[in-house]
Amino acid sequence: MKIIGFGQLRNEASRGNLENWFRCMEPCNHIYIFDQASTDNSREIYEKYKHKTTVIYSPSNRFNEELICKGELYRLMLKEQPDVDWVLWLDGDLILDGRLLVDDNLRRLCKKLDDKEIDFVAKKDDKTVYIQVAYLISDEKTHNREFGNLLKIHDSYPKMVISMDELIGNNYKGIEHWSVRKFLLEFE
C-alpha cells in the first residue's frame, strides 16, 4: 500500500509545528509540500527529509490562491506517483493521534478502510468525518457506490458525499450530500 503525504505550508518551523508534522508523515512513502515562501528555517528542516520529500517553493505567499497551489502539487504528485493508494493531507498545525503512528496502525487503518473504499477520513481536533467524492451522482449505480460505502461504516462519525451536483442539500440515511462549491466555501 502506497501512502503519500501532502501539505501546503508556511513558516511552520517558527511555530514549532514542522518537526511534529514530519513525525506524523513517517508512515508515508513520500511527501509533497507546497511551501508558501517561508521565511523561517523550514527549508533546513525540509532538507533533513529530502530522501522522501518533494517541495515546490513559491517565491511569494500564495495562500489567496490556495486551490491553485494545491492543484499544482496534486498534479505533480500524480505524475510522479501514479500508483498512490492513499493521500494523507495534513495542515502544518495538525498532528495525528499518536496511536496511529505506532505498530503500523495508520497502514492498518488504511487497509481496513480500503475494504470499504472510503476516499477520505478527515480529522481535526476531536472531529472525524468520512468523505466520499464523486464527479456527479448521475445514476443509481454511482449513488449506491458512494453512499453505500459510507453506510458500511457503523460508528457515530459524520459521513458526507461531495460532488459537482448543484441541487444538493438533502441527506440519505444520515449521510450528507454537499456540492463541491459549498464544501470549499462552508465546511469547517
Protein backbone atom coordinates (compact mmCIF):
# COMPACT_ATOMS: atom_id res chain seq x y z
CA MET A 1 0.00 0.00 0.00
CA LYS A 2 1.39 3.38 -1.03
CA ILE A 3 0.62 6.37 1.22
CA ILE A 4 1.69 9.83 0.06
CA GLY A 5 1.90 12.81 2.44
CA PHE A 6 0.66 16.13 1.18
CA GLY A 7 0.74 19.63 2.67
CA GLN A 8 0.69 23.33 1.95
CA LEU A 9 2.93 25.04 4.50
CA ARG A 10 4.29 28.44 5.53
CA ASN A 11 6.61 29.21 8.43
CA GLU A 12 5.62 26.10 10.37
CA ALA A 13 9.16 25.74 11.79
CA SER A 14 8.92 29.06 13.64
CA ARG A 15 5.62 27.93 15.16
CA GLY A 16 7.20 24.70 16.38
CA ASN A 17 4.93 22.60 14.16
CA LEU A 18 7.16 21.31 11.38
CA GLU A 19 9.11 18.57 13.18
CA ASN A 20 5.84 17.19 14.63
CA TRP A 21 4.25 17.39 11.18
CA PHE A 22 7.07 15.30 9.71
CA ARG A 23 6.71 12.76 12.54
CA CYS A 24 3.05 12.39 11.57
CA MET A 25 4.16 11.82 7.98
CA GLU A 26 6.58 8.99 8.89
CA PRO A 27 4.24 6.23 7.63
CA CYS A 28 4.19 7.89 4.19
CA ASN A 29 6.23 6.51 1.32
CA HIS A 30 6.84 10.04 0.02
CA ILE A 31 5.83 13.58 1.00
CA TYR A 32 4.85 16.53 -1.22
CA ILE A 33 4.97 20.09 0.13
CA PHE A 34 3.93 23.39 -1.42
CA ASP A 35 5.94 25.93 0.57
CA GLN A 36 4.36 29.38 0.62
CA ALA A 37 7.56 31.47 0.74
CA SER A 38 8.54 30.50 4.28
CA THR A 39 10.94 32.96 5.89
CA ASP A 40 11.88 30.80 8.89
CA ASN A 41 14.15 27.74 8.84
CA SER A 42 11.58 25.47 7.18
CA ARG A 43 13.92 24.85 4.23
CA GLU A 44 16.58 23.43 6.54
CA ILE A 45 14.05 21.05 8.06
CA TYR A 46 12.77 20.00 4.62
CA GLU A 47 16.38 19.24 3.73
CA LYS A 48 16.60 16.74 6.61
CA TYR A 49 13.81 14.77 4.94
CA LYS A 50 14.90 15.24 1.32
CA HIS A 51 15.26 11.47 0.79
CA LYS A 52 11.45 11.20 0.81
CA THR A 53 10.24 14.77 0.25
CA THR A 54 9.49 16.85 -2.84
CA VAL A 55 8.98 20.58 -2.28
CA ILE A 56 7.55 23.20 -4.60
CA TYR A 57 8.90 26.55 -3.41
CA SER A 58 6.70 29.53 -4.15
CA PRO A 59 8.56 32.87 -4.36
CA SER A 60 5.59 34.55 -2.67
CA ASN A 61 2.87 33.69 -0.22
CA ARG A 62 0.01 32.48 -2.43
CA PHE A 63 -2.48 31.36 0.21
CA ASN A 64 -5.07 33.52 -1.55
CA GLU A 65 -4.63 31.03 -4.42
CA GLU A 66 -4.78 28.00 -2.15
CA LEU A 67 -6.74 25.76 -4.51
CA ILE A 68 -4.49 26.58 -7.47
CA CYS A 69 -1.39 25.76 -5.40
CA LYS A 70 -2.87 22.52 -4.12
CA GLY A 71 -3.80 21.63 -7.69
CA GLU A 72 -0.20 22.16 -8.86
CA LEU A 73 1.09 19.99 -6.05
CA TYR A 74 -1.54 17.32 -6.61
CA ARG A 75 -0.81 17.11 -10.36
CA LEU A 76 2.92 16.75 -9.66
CA MET A 77 2.20 14.03 -7.11
CA LEU A 78 0.00 12.08 -9.54
CA LYS A 79 2.60 12.44 -12.30
CA GLU A 80 5.38 11.08 -10.08
CA GLN A 81 3.28 8.65 -8.01
CA PRO A 82 0.51 7.37 -10.31
CA ASP A 83 0.10 4.22 -8.22
CA VAL A 84 -0.74 6.06 -4.97
CA ASP A 85 -3.36 4.33 -2.82
CA TRP A 86 -3.85 6.97 -0.11
CA VAL A 87 -3.08 10.67 0.30
CA LEU A 88 -2.52 11.88 3.85
CA TRP A 89 -3.27 15.59 3.65
CA LEU A 90 -2.42 17.49 6.85
CA ASP A 91 -2.23 21.19 7.55
CA GLY A 92 1.03 22.20 9.21
CA ASP A 93 -0.59 22.77 12.58
CA LEU A 94 -2.33 19.40 12.72
CA ILE A 95 -0.99 16.19 14.16
CA LEU A 96 -2.23 12.62 14.06
CA ASP A 97 -3.35 10.74 17.10
CA GLY A 98 -0.18 9.06 18.39
CA ARG A 99 -1.87 5.67 18.31
CA LEU A 100 -1.82 5.84 14.51
CA LEU A 101 1.96 6.30 14.49
CA VAL A 102 2.90 3.08 16.32
CA ASP A 103 2.86 -0.53 15.19
CA ASP A 104 1.97 0.43 11.62
CA ASN A 105 -1.55 1.37 12.77
CA LEU A 106 -2.04 4.05 10.09
CA ARG A 107 -1.42 1.45 7.37
CA ARG A 108 -3.76 -0.97 9.10
CA LEU A 109 -6.47 1.71 9.24
CA CYS A 110 -5.96 2.46 5.54
CA LYS A 111 -6.20 -1.24 4.71
CA LYS A 112 -9.37 -1.57 6.79
CA LEU A 113 -10.86 1.42 5.00
CA ASP A 114 -9.66 0.13 1.62
CA ASP A 115 -12.06 -2.75 2.06
CA LYS A 116 -14.83 -0.16 2.27
CA GLU A 117 -13.36 2.12 -0.43
CA ILE A 118 -13.64 5.37 1.52
CA ASP A 119 -11.97 8.32 -0.21
CA PHE A 120 -11.02 10.45 2.82
CA VAL A 121 -11.05 10.29 6.58
CA ALA A 122 -10.63 13.85 7.83
CA LYS A 123 -9.63 14.58 11.41
CA LYS A 124 -9.21 17.89 13.17
CA ASP A 125 -9.03 18.27 16.93
CA ASP A 126 -11.58 15.76 18.19
CA LYS A 127 -13.67 15.79 14.99
CA THR A 128 -13.64 13.00 12.44
CA VAL A 129 -15.61 12.84 9.18
CA TYR A 130 -15.71 10.26 6.39
CA ILE A 131 -15.85 11.75 2.89
CA GLN A 132 -16.67 10.20 -0.47
CA VAL A 133 -16.01 12.26 -3.59
CA ALA A 134 -17.67 11.76 -6.97
CA TYR A 135 -17.80 13.89 -10.09
CA LEU A 136 -21.59 13.59 -10.40
CA ILE A 137 -24.19 11.38 -8.79
CA SER A 138 -25.93 10.87 -12.11
CA ASP A 139 -27.30 7.37 -11.79
CA GLU A 140 -28.36 4.77 -9.25
CA LYS A 141 -25.14 2.77 -9.59
CA THR A 142 -22.99 5.79 -8.65
CA HIS A 143 -25.37 6.72 -5.84
CA ASN A 144 -25.24 3.20 -4.41
CA ARG A 145 -21.45 3.05 -4.63
CA GLU A 146 -20.77 6.42 -2.99
CA PHE A 147 -23.44 6.31 -0.29
CA GLY A 148 -23.28 2.52 0.13
CA ASN A 149 -19.61 2.51 1.12
CA LEU A 150 -20.32 5.03 3.85
CA LEU A 151 -23.32 3.05 5.06
CA LYS A 152 -20.98 0.10 5.70
CA ILE A 153 -19.23 2.07 8.44
CA HIS A 154 -21.01 1.58 11.73
CA ASP A 155 -19.82 4.34 14.01
CA SER A 156 -21.18 7.72 15.01
CA TYR A 157 -18.83 9.95 12.98
CA PRO A 158 -20.40 12.20 10.33
CA LYS A 159 -20.32 10.98 6.74
CA MET A 160 -20.66 13.01 3.55
CA VAL A 161 -20.59 12.73 -0.21
CA ILE A 162 -19.17 15.66 -2.18
CA SER A 163 -19.89 16.08 -5.89
CA MET A 164 -20.27 18.68 -8.63
CA ASP A 165 -24.06 18.35 -8.43
CA GLU A 166 -25.54 21.75 -7.61
CA LEU A 167 -29.03 20.73 -6.47
CA ILE A 168 -27.96 19.22 -3.21
CA GLY A 169 -28.76 19.73 0.43
CA ASN A 170 -30.53 16.54 1.20
CA ASN A 171 -29.22 13.61 3.12
CA TYR A 172 -29.57 9.93 2.54
CA LYS A 173 -29.87 7.71 5.62
CA GLY A 174 -27.93 10.27 7.64
CA ILE A 175 -25.21 10.88 5.03
CA GLU A 176 -25.00 14.49 3.90
CA HIS A 177 -24.63 15.35 0.20
CA TRP A 178 -22.67 18.56 -0.44
CA SER A 179 -21.75 20.33 -3.66
CA VAL A 180 -18.01 20.85 -4.01
CA ARG A 181 -18.63 24.62 -4.11
CA LYS A 182 -20.50 24.55 -0.79
CA PHE A 183 -17.86 22.29 0.75
CA LEU A 184 -15.00 24.60 -0.24
CA LEU A 185 -16.81 27.71 0.98
CA GLU A 186 -18.56 26.48 4.11
CA PHE A 187 -17.10 23.30 5.55
CA GLU A 188 -15.15 23.73 8.78
